Structure formats: C-alpha cells, structure tokens
C-alpha cells in the first residue's frame, strides 16, 4: 500500500508519514495529509486547511479539559466512597457488639440454607442505615430475625416494619422485608415494600424480578412483562421468567408464544411440570398427538403426576378410545396426588373439558394466575424463585 506524504505546517516541506518532526525546520508534524491535487503546488496553501488545523487543536484542547474534569470528579467520588466505607465498617462493628458476637455467630442463629450469606445480608442492611438511632435499628433488625427463626411471623414482621420506619431509604432492608412477606404468601405487603425499593433503586434486578412475579400473579400482563424483561436475560432468573411468560401468554390465549416460552424453560431445566404445561398448551390447540407425547414425558419424569394421567384420559375420551381412557383414569385414581386439580373432576366422573386443567382458573374473576390454580405448580414456582435467589 502506498503511504501518503506529510507536509510541514510551518515550512511546507515534504516529509514521510513515519516522521514525527519536520526534516527541514524541526517543527512537530500534525498528521494532516494534503490531497494529491496540491502536492506539486507548494506556493499555495488554501485557508480551509488552516481552519481545519485550528479545529483539530481546539478539539484536542476541549478533550483534554473534559478528561481533566472527569478525573477530578472520579477522585471526589473515590474520597466520598472511602468515607462511606469507613462509616459502614463502624456500623457493622456496632452490630456485632449489640448482637453479642461476630457475623458467623449471628448467621448460626438464623434459619437458612446459607447462613453466612444471610449474615452478610444483615451487615449490608446495617451498612445502608443512614439515619440516627443505629443502636435501636440494629436491635429491631436482629430481634425480628430471631422471631422469624422461631416461626413467629406476626411479631417478626412488626419488628421489621419498625426497622423500616427508622431507615426508610434502606434498599437492602426493604428488599429483605419484601422477600420475607413474599415467601409467607403475603403478596400485597411484599408489593408495598418492593414499590418503595423500586423508587430508590429502579435498576435492582431482584426488585424487578419479584415485582414482575407479583404483577403476573395479579394478571397485569403489561407491567409484568415490563419488569421481567431485564431478569429474562439473567441466567438464574431466566427459567422462571419463561415459565411466567408461558402462563401469561396462555392467559391471553396466545398458544404459539405460550408453547415457545414453556419449551425454552424446559430446555434450561427439564421438569415434569414444564412438560405438563407444554402438553396442556397443545391440548388447547387441539393437537392431541403432541399433547399425549408431552404428557407421557411428564409422567416419565414423575409417575405420580395425577393431573397428567387425568389429561391423557380426557384426550382418549375425546378420541373414543375407551380402553386407554379407563387405564389412564385408573392410574389417576390410584395415585391420588394431594392437591391435584383433577380430584374434583374424578369425584364427578367428568371428562368433558374444553380447557386444560391449569388454564381453567383464567375464567375466574380476579384470578391469581400463578398461585391460584394447581398447588403443585404454585409450589414449583416458589421453589424455582428460591433457587434464583441462591
């Protein structure tokens, strides 16, 4: 490739592109290359080239000023963060002193599969406390957790609420309280704390995730999809989000989208519940062959899945296959899974269904889309949410 020449901005002498200074006068070269039409006319330099050089120099000066200002702001932020860290460390030491031990001792007092992680959560909560009465705040927090460990939920919630009043801008406390309410099936209280936390930290993925779950359960599909759009890209929460999107699409009778969402969730974690929902979506599309195939997959993963046996009996009834219908019904009756949706239909001996079992609740007024139907599916959802937070 032919390298262009560089001309000195002072004496107009010709130089190589490799040169940094003019060979003739020693001036530091600007990397401005003259066009071919001016290479042999050294007596005339158009004014627009001088303007161009001034613009380049001005731009460099501007960027230098901007860089200097950015560095100054960064140093101020680092100093402020250093002060905050120092204050947080003092508050954590006070927490350890008031609770009668170190963080590992506190963690041992908390009922959790990951006590060290929960102890760290407590430290984070205290570290975010930016109001007076840190001693009272710490006492309320630790007492609330002790009561929660003893399954005294009512008193525990009262303590956590008082702590939240002392530290109204504490995102970690608001989120922790919301989770506690959520897993106690008190969704309205959880939603109240999550909305407060969202106003303070709208980018927090855990807040977006739980709010999306609650809105989906309430049937507010627009808000649910909005809040779940970011958690959908997270590896931990993606399977649950696809499960929920499948339910929302089924609620809207968009069976193509519902099937796609359930299948994506099943690719990540193949559970009997997901195969069952895929089969039910096929059932509502009248694709009984595909539905039977996935009901059989669900049973292969869990032979005690009564609702899957029952839905197969429904399909064979519609196909007037009496022998297979009888076998499927017998299996559903023998297994008698606790909380199975098919129990009501088994008592009435009613097999004529237009809508698959898990989607029948959508016809009810103010139905809870995620938790108002089969107990098995509600437990599955909660289990997967717990996993997502681990």
Protein backbone atom coordinates (compact mmCIF):
# COMPACT_ATOMS: atom_id res chain seq x y z
CA UNK A 1 0.00 0.00 0.00
CA UNK A 2 1.48 3.43 -0.98
CA UNK A 3 1.98 5.71 2.04
CA UNK A 4 0.96 9.37 1.53
CA UNK A 5 3.31 12.25 2.28
CA UNK A 6 3.01 14.67 5.17
CA UNK A 7 3.74 18.37 4.69
CA UNK A 8 5.12 20.58 7.44
CA UNK A 9 2.61 23.16 8.61
CA UNK A 10 5.43 25.68 9.14
CA UNK A 11 7.75 25.50 6.10
CA UNK A 12 5.60 23.26 3.82
CA UNK A 13 8.46 20.80 3.36
CA UNK A 14 7.63 17.26 2.29
CA UNK A 15 8.09 14.56 4.96
CA UNK A 16 7.38 10.84 5.33
CA UNK A 17 4.36 9.63 7.28
CA UNK A 18 6.82 7.90 9.64
CA UNK A 19 8.42 11.25 10.64
CA UNK A 20 7.29 12.96 13.80
CA UNK A 21 9.25 16.20 13.21
CA UNK A 22 9.98 18.16 10.04
CA UNK A 23 13.29 17.24 8.41
CA UNK A 24 13.82 20.85 7.32
CA UNK A 25 12.82 23.06 10.29
CA UNK A 26 12.25 20.54 13.10
CA UNK A 27 8.62 21.51 13.73
CA UNK A 28 6.47 18.71 15.24
CA UNK A 29 4.24 17.45 12.47
CA UNK A 30 0.43 17.35 12.62
CA UNK A 31 -0.92 14.33 10.80
CA UNK A 32 -2.73 16.31 8.12
CA UNK A 33 -2.13 14.97 4.63
CA UNK A 34 -2.56 17.29 1.65
CA UNK A 35 -4.59 15.96 -1.27
CA UNK A 36 -2.93 14.83 -4.47
CA UNK A 37 -4.02 17.98 -6.28
CA UNK A 38 -1.85 20.15 -4.00
CA UNK A 39 1.29 18.01 -3.82
CA UNK A 40 3.09 19.94 -6.58
CA UNK A 41 1.78 23.39 -5.74
CA UNK A 42 3.87 24.37 -2.73
CA UNK A 43 3.27 28.11 -3.07
CA UNK A 44 -0.40 27.99 -2.26
CA UNK A 45 -1.99 26.64 0.90
CA UNK A 46 -5.75 27.18 0.99
CA UNK A 47 -7.23 28.87 4.06
CA UNK A 48 -9.60 25.99 4.78
CA UNK A 49 -6.58 23.83 5.70
CA UNK A 50 -5.54 26.40 8.29
CA UNK A 51 -9.11 26.39 9.63
CA UNK A 52 -9.00 22.61 9.75
CA UNK A 53 -5.81 22.67 11.82
CA UNK A 54 -7.31 25.17 14.26
CA UNK A 55 -10.38 22.98 14.65
CA UNK A 56 -8.19 19.96 15.37
CA UNK A 57 -6.18 21.82 18.00
CA UNK A 58 -9.35 23.23 19.59
CA UNK A 59 -10.91 19.78 19.73
CA UNK A 60 -7.80 18.34 21.39
CA UNK A 61 -7.83 21.13 23.97
CA UNK A 62 -11.53 20.52 24.68
CA UNK A 63 -11.00 16.79 25.16
CA UNK A 64 -8.06 17.45 27.45
CA UNK A 65 -10.22 19.73 29.61
CA UNK A 66 -13.01 17.13 29.68
CA UNK A 67 -10.58 14.39 30.68
CA UNK A 68 -9.15 16.57 33.45
CA UNK A 69 -12.66 17.31 34.77
CA UNK A 70 -13.61 13.61 34.67
CA UNK A 71 -10.51 12.71 36.67
CA UNK A 72 -11.32 15.38 39.24
CA UNK A 73 -14.90 14.08 39.65
CA UNK A 74 -13.64 10.50 39.90
CA UNK A 75 -11.25 11.47 42.71
CA UNK A 76 -14.08 13.18 44.59
CA UNK A 77 -16.26 10.07 44.24
CA UNK A 78 -13.44 7.84 45.49
CA UNK A 79 -12.96 10.09 48.53
CA UNK A 80 -16.69 10.07 49.29
CA UNK A 81 -16.89 6.29 48.89
CA UNK A 82 -13.93 5.93 51.25
CA UNK A 83 -15.81 7.90 53.89
CA UNK A 84 -18.93 5.78 53.41
CA UNK A 85 -16.95 2.54 53.66
CA UNK A 86 -15.35 3.75 56.87
CA UNK A 87 -18.75 4.63 58.36
CA UNK A 88 -20.19 1.28 57.24
CA UNK A 89 -17.38 -0.59 58.94
CA UNK A 90 -18.09 1.27 62.18
CA UNK A 91 -21.80 0.39 61.95
CA UNK A 92 -21.03 -3.28 61.28
CA UNK A 93 -18.77 -3.37 64.35
CA UNK A 94 -21.62 -1.86 66.36
CA UNK A 95 -23.97 -4.55 65.02
CA UNK A 96 -21.55 -7.27 66.13
CA UNK A 97 -21.25 -5.71 69.58
CA UNK A 98 -25.00 -5.28 70.11
CA UNK A 99 -25.92 -8.73 68.84
CA UNK A 100 -23.38 -10.36 71.18
CA UNK A 101 -20.99 -11.90 68.67
CA UNK A 102 -19.41 -11.90 65.24
CA UNK A 103 -21.22 -12.31 61.95
CA UNK A 104 -20.73 -16.08 61.88
CA UNK A 105 -22.42 -16.33 65.29
CA UNK A 106 -25.37 -14.26 64.06
CA UNK A 107 -25.64 -16.38 60.97
CA UNK A 108 -25.88 -19.52 63.09
CA UNK A 109 -28.94 -18.03 64.80
CA UNK A 110 -30.79 -17.60 61.51
CA UNK A 111 -32.75 -20.42 59.93
CA UNK A 112 -31.41 -20.57 56.39
CA UNK A 113 -29.73 -22.92 53.96
CA UNK A 114 -26.99 -20.30 53.54
CA UNK A 115 -26.41 -18.71 56.97
CA UNK A 116 -23.20 -16.93 56.02
CA UNK A 117 -24.90 -15.34 53.07
CA UNK A 118 -27.79 -14.17 55.24
CA UNK A 119 -25.37 -12.78 57.82
CA UNK A 120 -23.77 -10.78 55.01
CA UNK A 121 -27.24 -9.53 54.08
CA UNK A 122 -27.75 -8.30 57.64
CA UNK A 123 -24.43 -6.47 57.52
CA UNK A 124 -25.44 -4.88 54.22
CA UNK A 125 -28.73 -3.74 55.75
CA UNK A 126 -26.98 -2.10 58.70
CA UNK A 127 -24.37 -0.59 56.39
CA UNK A 128 -27.12 1.18 54.41
CA UNK A 129 -28.67 2.70 57.54
CA UNK A 130 -28.09 6.45 57.15
CA UNK A 131 -30.30 7.74 59.96
CA UNK A 132 -29.80 8.20 63.72
CA UNK A 133 -30.63 5.54 66.32
CA UNK A 134 -28.38 2.91 64.78
CA UNK A 135 -28.45 1.01 68.10
CA UNK A 136 -32.26 0.76 68.14
CA UNK A 137 -32.31 -0.07 64.43
CA UNK A 138 -29.82 -2.91 64.93
CA UNK A 139 -31.79 -4.28 67.87
CA UNK A 140 -35.09 -4.27 65.95
CA UNK A 141 -33.45 -5.99 62.98
CA UNK A 142 -31.78 -8.76 64.99
CA UNK A 143 -34.89 -9.34 67.14
CA UNK A 144 -37.05 -9.54 64.03
CA UNK A 145 -34.78 -12.20 62.54
CA UNK A 146 -34.75 -14.21 65.77
CA UNK A 147 -38.55 -14.21 65.82
CA UNK A 148 -38.58 -15.22 62.16
CA UNK A 149 -36.31 -18.13 63.04
CA UNK A 150 -38.86 -19.22 65.67
CA UNK A 151 -41.68 -19.03 63.07
CA UNK A 152 -43.29 -16.16 64.96
CA UNK A 153 -44.04 -14.33 61.74
CA UNK A 154 -46.50 -11.76 63.07
CA UNK A 155 -44.09 -10.36 65.67
CA UNK A 156 -41.18 -10.66 63.24
CA UNK A 157 -42.98 -8.58 60.62
CA UNK A 158 -43.80 -5.96 63.26
CA UNK A 159 -40.11 -5.65 64.16
CA UNK A 160 -39.03 -5.41 60.53
CA UNK A 161 -41.67 -2.77 59.84
CA UNK A 162 -40.43 -0.66 62.76
CA UNK A 163 -36.88 -1.05 61.49
CA UNK A 164 -38.02 0.09 58.03
CA UNK A 165 -39.60 3.19 59.57
CA UNK A 166 -36.24 4.09 61.13
CA UNK A 167 -34.41 3.53 57.83
CA UNK A 168 -36.91 4.44 55.07
CA UNK A 169 -34.29 4.66 52.31
CA UNK A 170 -32.60 1.35 53.12
CA UNK A 171 -32.99 -0.64 49.90
CA UNK A 172 -31.49 -3.83 51.36
CA UNK A 173 -33.94 -3.77 54.27
CA UNK A 174 -36.93 -3.02 52.03
CA UNK A 175 -35.99 -5.88 49.71
CA UNK A 176 -35.33 -8.30 52.59
CA UNK A 177 -38.70 -7.44 54.19
CA UNK A 178 -40.45 -7.83 50.83
CA UNK A 179 -38.88 -11.27 50.32
CA UNK A 180 -39.97 -12.32 53.80
CA UNK A 181 -43.56 -11.29 53.07
CA UNK A 182 -43.43 -12.85 49.61
CA UNK A 183 -42.37 -16.30 50.83
CA UNK A 184 -45.04 -16.08 53.54
CA UNK A 185 -47.59 -15.66 50.69
CA UNK A 186 -48.37 -12.09 51.74
CA UNK A 187 -48.02 -10.64 48.26
CA UNK A 188 -49.81 -7.32 48.89
CA UNK A 189 -47.42 -6.45 51.74
CA UNK A 190 -44.44 -7.61 49.68
CA UNK A 191 -45.57 -5.43 46.79
CA UNK A 192 -45.78 -2.37 49.06
CA UNK A 193 -42.14 -2.70 50.13
CA UNK A 194 -40.96 -3.62 46.63
CA UNK A 195 -42.51 -0.48 45.16
CA UNK A 196 -40.73 1.65 47.77
CA UNK A 197 -37.46 -0.12 46.97
CA UNK A 198 -38.04 0.33 43.23
CA UNK A 199 -38.38 4.11 43.67
CA UNK A 200 -34.94 4.13 45.32
CA UNK A 201 -33.19 1.53 43.13
CA UNK A 202 -35.03 1.04 39.82
CA UNK A 203 -32.09 -0.89 38.33
CA UNK A 204 -32.01 -3.60 41.05
CA UNK A 205 -32.67 -6.94 39.29
CA UNK A 206 -34.06 -8.69 42.39
CA UNK A 207 -36.64 -5.93 42.88
CA UNK A 208 -37.64 -6.02 39.21
CA UNK A 209 -37.92 -9.81 39.34
CA UNK A 210 -40.19 -10.03 42.40
CA UNK A 211 -42.35 -7.12 41.26
CA UNK A 212 -42.76 -8.81 37.88
CA UNK A 213 -43.82 -12.06 39.56
CA UNK A 214 -46.44 -10.28 41.68
CA UNK A 215 -47.84 -8.29 38.75
CA UNK A 216 -48.03 -11.50 36.71
CA UNK A 217 -49.91 -13.21 39.52
CA UNK A 218 -52.35 -10.29 39.60
CA UNK A 219 -52.92 -10.60 35.85
CA UNK A 220 -51.32 -7.24 34.98
CA UNK A 221 -49.56 -8.63 31.92
CA UNK A 222 -48.19 -5.30 30.66
CA UNK A 223 -46.41 -4.39 33.90
CA UNK A 224 -45.30 -7.99 34.45
CA UNK A 225 -43.56 -8.14 31.08
CA UNK A 226 -42.01 -4.71 31.62
CA UNK A 227 -40.46 -5.66 34.98
CA UNK A 228 -39.43 -9.15 33.88
CA UNK A 229 -37.72 -8.06 30.65
CA UNK A 230 -34.37 -7.49 32.39
CA UNK A 231 -34.44 -10.62 34.64
CA UNK A 232 -35.24 -12.61 31.48
CA UNK A 233 -31.61 -12.11 30.40
CA UNK A 234 -30.19 -13.30 33.72
CA UNK A 235 -29.05 -16.93 33.79
CA UNK A 236 -30.51 -17.55 37.26
CA UNK A 237 -33.93 -15.99 36.73
CA UNK A 238 -34.42 -16.78 33.04
CA UNK A 239 -36.10 -20.23 33.56
CA UNK A 240 -38.67 -18.78 35.99
CA UNK A 241 -39.34 -15.80 33.73
CA UNK A 242 -40.02 -18.08 30.76
CA UNK A 243 -42.35 -20.17 32.92
CA UNK A 244 -44.26 -16.99 33.84
CA UNK A 245 -44.31 -15.72 30.25
CA UNK A 246 -45.80 -19.03 29.20
CA UNK A 247 -48.59 -18.61 31.75
CA UNK A 248 -49.24 -15.00 30.69
CA UNK A 249 -49.41 -15.98 27.01
CA UNK A 250 -51.83 -18.82 27.88
CA UNK A 251 -53.96 -16.29 29.79
CA UNK A 252 -54.12 -14.24 26.58
CA UNK A 253 -54.75 -17.46 24.56
CA UNK A 254 -51.60 -16.85 22.56
CA UNK A 255 -50.71 -20.55 22.37
CA UNK A 256 -47.77 -20.18 19.99
CA UNK A 257 -45.99 -17.79 22.37
CA UNK A 258 -47.01 -19.88 25.37
CA UNK A 259 -45.53 -23.05 23.87
CA UNK A 260 -42.32 -21.27 22.92
CA UNK A 261 -41.85 -19.89 26.45
CA UNK A 262 -42.52 -23.25 28.15
CA UNK A 263 -40.14 -25.02 25.77
CA UNK A 264 -37.35 -22.51 26.43
CA UNK A 265 -37.82 -23.04 30.17
CA UNK A 266 -37.76 -26.82 29.67
CA UNK A 267 -34.52 -26.61 27.66
CA UNK A 268 -32.84 -24.96 30.62
CA UNK A 269 -34.35 -27.27 33.27
CA UNK A 270 -36.48 -30.20 32.18
CA UNK A 271 -39.12 -30.72 34.89
CA UNK A 272 -42.34 -32.71 34.86
CA UNK A 273 -44.32 -29.51 35.47
CA UNK A 274 -42.93 -27.87 32.33
CA UNK A 275 -43.63 -30.90 30.14
CA UNK A 276 -47.15 -30.97 31.60
CA UNK A 277 -47.73 -27.30 30.71
CA UNK A 278 -46.38 -27.83 27.18
CA UNK A 279 -48.82 -30.72 26.77
CA UNK A 280 -51.71 -28.59 28.07
CA UNK A 281 -50.88 -25.82 25.59
CA UNK A 282 -51.00 -28.39 22.77
CA UNK A 283 -54.31 -29.68 24.18
CA UNK A 284 -55.88 -26.22 23.88
CA UNK A 285 -54.71 -26.11 20.26
CA UNK A 286 -56.44 -29.48 19.69
CA UNK A 287 -53.07 -31.06 18.82
CA UNK A 288 -53.77 -34.22 20.81
CA UNK A 289 -50.89 -36.23 19.36
CA UNK A 290 -48.29 -33.73 20.57
CA UNK A 291 -50.16 -33.27 23.84
CA UNK A 292 -50.07 -37.03 24.58
CA UNK A 293 -46.37 -37.15 23.81
CA UNK A 294 -45.57 -34.45 26.36
CA UNK A 295 -47.97 -35.81 28.98
CA UNK A 296 -46.06 -39.09 28.71
CA UNK A 297 -42.76 -37.18 29.13
CA UNK A 298 -44.15 -35.56 32.28
CA UNK A 299 -45.09 -38.95 33.70
CA UNK A 300 -41.70 -40.40 32.80
CA UNK A 301 -40.19 -37.65 34.97
CA UNK A 302 -42.70 -38.16 37.79
CA UNK A 303 -45.02 -41.15 37.68
CA UNK A 304 -47.18 -39.74 40.50
CA UNK A 305 -48.35 -36.77 38.46
CA UNK A 306 -52.11 -37.34 38.77
CA UNK A 307 -53.15 -34.39 36.59
CA UNK A 308 -51.00 -35.67 33.70
CA UNK A 309 -52.69 -39.10 33.90
CA UNK A 310 -56.10 -37.42 34.03
CA UNK A 311 -55.48 -35.20 30.99
CA UNK A 312 -54.47 -38.26 28.99
CA UNK A 313 -57.78 -39.86 29.98
CA UNK A 314 -59.57 -36.75 28.70
CA UNK A 315 -57.83 -37.00 25.33
CA UNK A 316 -58.62 -40.72 24.97
CA UNK A 317 -62.23 -39.95 25.92
CA UNK A 318 -62.41 -37.39 23.10
CA UNK A 319 -60.89 -39.98 20.76
CA UNK A 320 -63.42 -42.60 21.98
CA UNK A 321 -60.58 -44.93 22.99
CA UNK A 322 -62.37 -46.49 25.96
CA UNK A 323 -59.69 -48.99 26.96
CA UNK A 324 -56.89 -46.43 27.22
CA UNK A 325 -59.23 -43.94 28.83
CA UNK A 326 -60.04 -46.47 31.54
CA UNK A 327 -56.34 -47.24 32.17
CA UNK A 328 -55.47 -43.54 32.48
CA UNK A 329 -58.38 -42.92 34.84
CA UNK A 330 -57.36 -45.88 36.97
CA UNK A 331 -53.83 -44.52 37.32
CA UNK A 332 -55.13 -41.06 38.24
CA UNK A 333 -57.44 -42.57 40.90
CA UNK A 334 -54.79 -44.84 42.40
CA UNK A 335 -52.12 -42.16 42.74
CA UNK A 336 -54.45 -39.55 44.28
CA UNK A 337 -51.80 -36.83 44.49
CA UNK A 338 -52.53 -34.31 47.28
CA UNK A 339 -53.92 -31.05 45.91
CA UNK A 340 -54.31 -32.37 42.36
CA UNK A 341 -56.69 -30.31 40.24
CA UNK A 342 -58.24 -33.40 38.76
CA UNK A 343 -59.65 -34.53 42.15
CA UNK A 344 -62.84 -32.51 41.68
CA UNK A 345 -63.44 -33.99 38.22
CA UNK A 346 -62.68 -37.50 39.42
CA UNK A 347 -65.39 -37.20 42.06
CA UNK A 348 -67.90 -36.05 39.45
CA UNK A 349 -66.57 -38.51 36.84
CA UNK A 350 -66.50 -35.62 34.37
CA UNK A 351 -64.06 -35.89 31.47
CA UNK A 352 -65.55 -33.36 29.06
CA UNK A 353 -63.12 -30.43 29.20
CA UNK A 354 -62.67 -27.63 26.68
CA UNK A 355 -59.76 -26.00 28.50
CA UNK A 356 -56.80 -27.82 30.03
CA UNK A 357 -56.76 -28.04 33.82
CA UNK A 358 -54.07 -25.45 34.66
CA UNK A 359 -55.69 -22.77 32.47
CA UNK A 360 -59.25 -23.10 33.77
CA UNK A 361 -58.68 -20.60 36.58
CA UNK A 362 -58.24 -17.84 33.96
CA UNK A 363 -62.03 -17.77 33.61
CA UNK A 364 -62.47 -16.72 37.24
CA UNK A 365 -62.76 -13.08 38.24
CA UNK A 366 -59.63 -11.61 39.87
CA UNK A 367 -57.85 -14.94 39.44
CA UNK A 368 -54.28 -15.35 40.72
CA UNK A 369 -52.66 -16.56 37.52
CA UNK A 370 -49.56 -18.13 39.11
CA UNK A 371 -50.73 -19.20 42.56
CA UNK A 372 -54.49 -19.62 42.20
CA UNK A 373 -54.51 -22.93 40.35
CA UNK A 374 -52.76 -26.24 40.93
CA UNK A 375 -50.89 -26.40 44.24
CA UNK A 376 -48.15 -28.38 42.52
CA UNK A 377 -47.48 -25.58 40.01
CA UNK A 378 -47.55 -22.92 42.76
CA UNK A 379 -45.01 -24.91 44.81
CA UNK A 380 -42.87 -25.42 41.71
CA UNK A 381 -42.84 -21.67 41.03
CA UNK A 382 -41.85 -20.82 44.61
CA UNK A 383 -39.09 -23.44 44.59
CA UNK A 384 -37.64 -22.04 41.38
CA UNK A 385 -37.78 -18.49 42.75
CA UNK A 386 -35.86 -19.62 45.84
CA UNK A 387 -33.23 -21.20 43.56
CA UNK A 388 -32.95 -17.97 41.59
CA UNK A 389 -32.00 -16.10 44.76
CA UNK A 390 -29.36 -18.62 45.88
